[in-house]
Amino acid sequence: QVQLVESGGGLAQPGGSLRLSCQASGNTFNIGTMTWYRQRVGHVRDLVATINRAGTTRYADSVQGRFTISRDNAKATMYLQMNNLKPEDTSVYYCHANSDDRPPLEYWGQGTPVTVSS
């Protein structure tokens, strides 16, 4: 089992920055791809950015060039640096991880809210 805990959410002004963290614990040795999702009220949960164990990344078009995903495998932690925040970035941000098992096990954090408002 793996537990994921997000932190770093809060209130930011438009144009501001926040850094989210996702700390994994438990059987972290076989965590594969890790992903940030976000969900606004009344909307589906959308992929924000994903990173595999080797560090290959992929971003949603809406955050490309503004957000940076990274991970520290030794610390079992994933990060999301969010710059030039916009009001439409307001969401609850969730951490997700897949294990390397076949089929892969999936894990979710509890979410951390981000509000971008002046």
Protein backbone atom coordinates (compact mmCIF):
# COMPACT_ATOMS: atom_id res chain seq x y z
CA GLN A 1 0.00 0.00 0.00
CA VAL A 2 1.02 3.59 -0.66
CA GLN A 3 -0.30 6.70 1.05
CA LEU A 4 -0.12 10.10 -0.67
CA VAL A 5 -0.38 13.41 1.16
CA GLU A 6 -0.52 16.72 -0.67
CA SER A 7 0.48 20.07 0.77
CA GLY A 8 1.21 23.60 -0.37
CA GLY A 9 -2.19 24.70 -1.57
CA GLY A 10 -3.73 28.00 -0.58
CA LEU A 11 -4.58 31.45 -1.86
CA ALA A 12 -2.54 33.21 -4.52
CA GLN A 13 -3.04 36.36 -6.54
CA PRO A 14 -3.20 36.26 -10.33
CA GLY A 15 0.35 36.17 -11.62
CA GLY A 16 1.58 34.67 -8.38
CA SER A 17 3.16 31.31 -7.60
CA LEU A 18 2.57 28.29 -5.42
CA ARG A 19 4.47 25.04 -4.98
CA LEU A 20 2.57 21.86 -4.27
CA SER A 21 4.16 18.77 -2.76
CA CYS A 22 3.00 15.16 -2.70
CA GLN A 23 4.68 12.99 -0.09
CA ALA A 24 4.39 9.23 -0.59
CA SER A 25 4.78 6.71 2.23
CA GLY A 26 4.43 2.95 2.56
CA ASN A 27 5.59 0.71 -0.30
CA THR A 28 7.20 3.55 -2.24
CA PHE A 29 9.88 1.36 -3.84
CA ASN A 30 7.66 0.40 -6.77
CA ILE A 31 5.95 3.71 -7.49
CA GLY A 32 6.03 4.34 -11.23
CA THR A 33 4.32 7.26 -12.89
CA MET A 34 3.09 10.11 -10.69
CA THR A 35 0.53 12.64 -11.82
CA TRP A 36 -1.14 15.84 -10.70
CA TYR A 37 -4.84 16.19 -11.45
CA ARG A 38 -7.21 19.00 -10.64
CA GLN A 39 -10.95 19.24 -10.30
CA ARG A 40 -13.18 22.30 -10.18
CA VAL A 41 -16.63 22.21 -8.73
CA GLY A 42 -19.03 20.73 -11.26
CA HIS A 43 -16.27 19.55 -13.58
CA VAL A 44 -14.47 16.29 -14.25
CA ARG A 45 -11.01 15.66 -12.85
CA ASP A 46 -8.42 16.78 -15.41
CA LEU A 47 -4.79 15.79 -15.85
CA VAL A 48 -2.41 18.66 -15.13
CA ALA A 49 1.03 17.09 -15.46
CA THR A 50 2.62 13.67 -15.22
CA ILE A 51 6.14 12.40 -14.65
CA ASN A 52 7.54 8.89 -14.85
CA ARG A 53 10.31 7.38 -12.76
CA ALA A 54 12.93 8.44 -15.32
CA GLY A 55 11.75 12.04 -15.21
CA THR A 56 9.93 12.24 -18.52
CA THR A 57 7.16 14.81 -18.23
CA ARG A 58 3.95 15.72 -20.00
CA TYR A 59 1.67 18.72 -19.43
CA ALA A 60 -1.84 19.81 -20.21
CA ASP A 61 -1.87 22.56 -22.83
CA SER A 62 -3.46 24.94 -20.34
CA VAL A 63 -0.46 24.85 -18.00
CA GLN A 64 2.41 24.29 -20.45
CA GLY A 65 5.11 26.88 -19.84
CA ARG A 66 3.69 27.96 -16.48
CA PHE A 67 3.79 24.80 -14.36
CA THR A 68 6.74 22.48 -13.74
CA ILE A 69 6.41 18.96 -12.39
CA SER A 70 9.34 17.24 -10.71
CA ARG A 71 10.03 14.39 -8.34
CA ASP A 72 12.67 13.29 -5.88
CA ASN A 73 12.65 9.49 -5.89
CA ALA A 74 14.94 9.30 -2.85
CA LYS A 75 12.43 11.34 -0.85
CA ALA A 76 9.39 9.72 -2.52
CA THR A 77 8.06 13.19 -3.19
CA MET A 78 6.56 14.88 -6.21
CA TYR A 79 6.27 18.62 -6.73
CA LEU A 80 4.30 21.02 -8.86
CA GLN A 81 5.74 24.51 -9.24
CA MET A 82 2.93 26.77 -10.44
CA ASN A 83 3.90 30.17 -11.80
CA ASN A 84 1.89 32.94 -13.44
CA LEU A 85 -1.26 31.60 -11.84
CA LYS A 86 -4.61 32.47 -13.36
CA PRO A 87 -8.09 32.49 -11.80
CA GLU A 88 -8.97 29.48 -13.95
CA ASP A 89 -6.28 27.49 -12.13
CA THR A 90 -8.52 27.55 -9.06
CA SER A 91 -9.23 23.90 -8.26
CA VAL A 92 -8.59 21.12 -5.83
CA TYR A 93 -5.30 19.52 -6.86
CA TYR A 94 -4.86 15.78 -6.40
CA CYS A 95 -1.77 13.61 -6.41
CA HIS A 96 -1.98 10.24 -8.14
CA ALA A 97 0.52 7.39 -8.39
CA ASN A 98 0.68 4.08 -10.23
CA SER A 99 2.67 1.14 -8.99
CA ASP A 100 4.88 -0.94 -11.28
CA ASP A 101 2.72 -4.01 -10.63
CA ARG A 102 0.83 -5.67 -13.48
CA PRO A 103 -1.93 -4.68 -13.44
CA PRO A 104 -0.79 -1.44 -11.75
CA LEU A 105 -2.28 -0.37 -8.45
CA GLU A 106 -3.52 3.21 -8.25
CA TYR A 107 -3.31 5.58 -5.33
CA TRP A 108 -4.85 9.02 -4.71
CA GLY A 109 -4.16 11.75 -2.22
CA GLN A 110 -6.90 13.65 -0.42
CA GLY A 111 -6.41 16.83 -2.45
CA THR A 112 -5.20 20.32 -1.65
CA PRO A 113 -7.24 23.39 -2.64
CA VAL A 114 -5.76 26.21 -4.70
CA THR A 115 -7.57 29.52 -5.07
CA VAL A 116 -6.32 32.21 -7.41
CA SER A 117 -8.05 35.50 -6.76
CA SER A 118 -7.28 39.15 -6.25
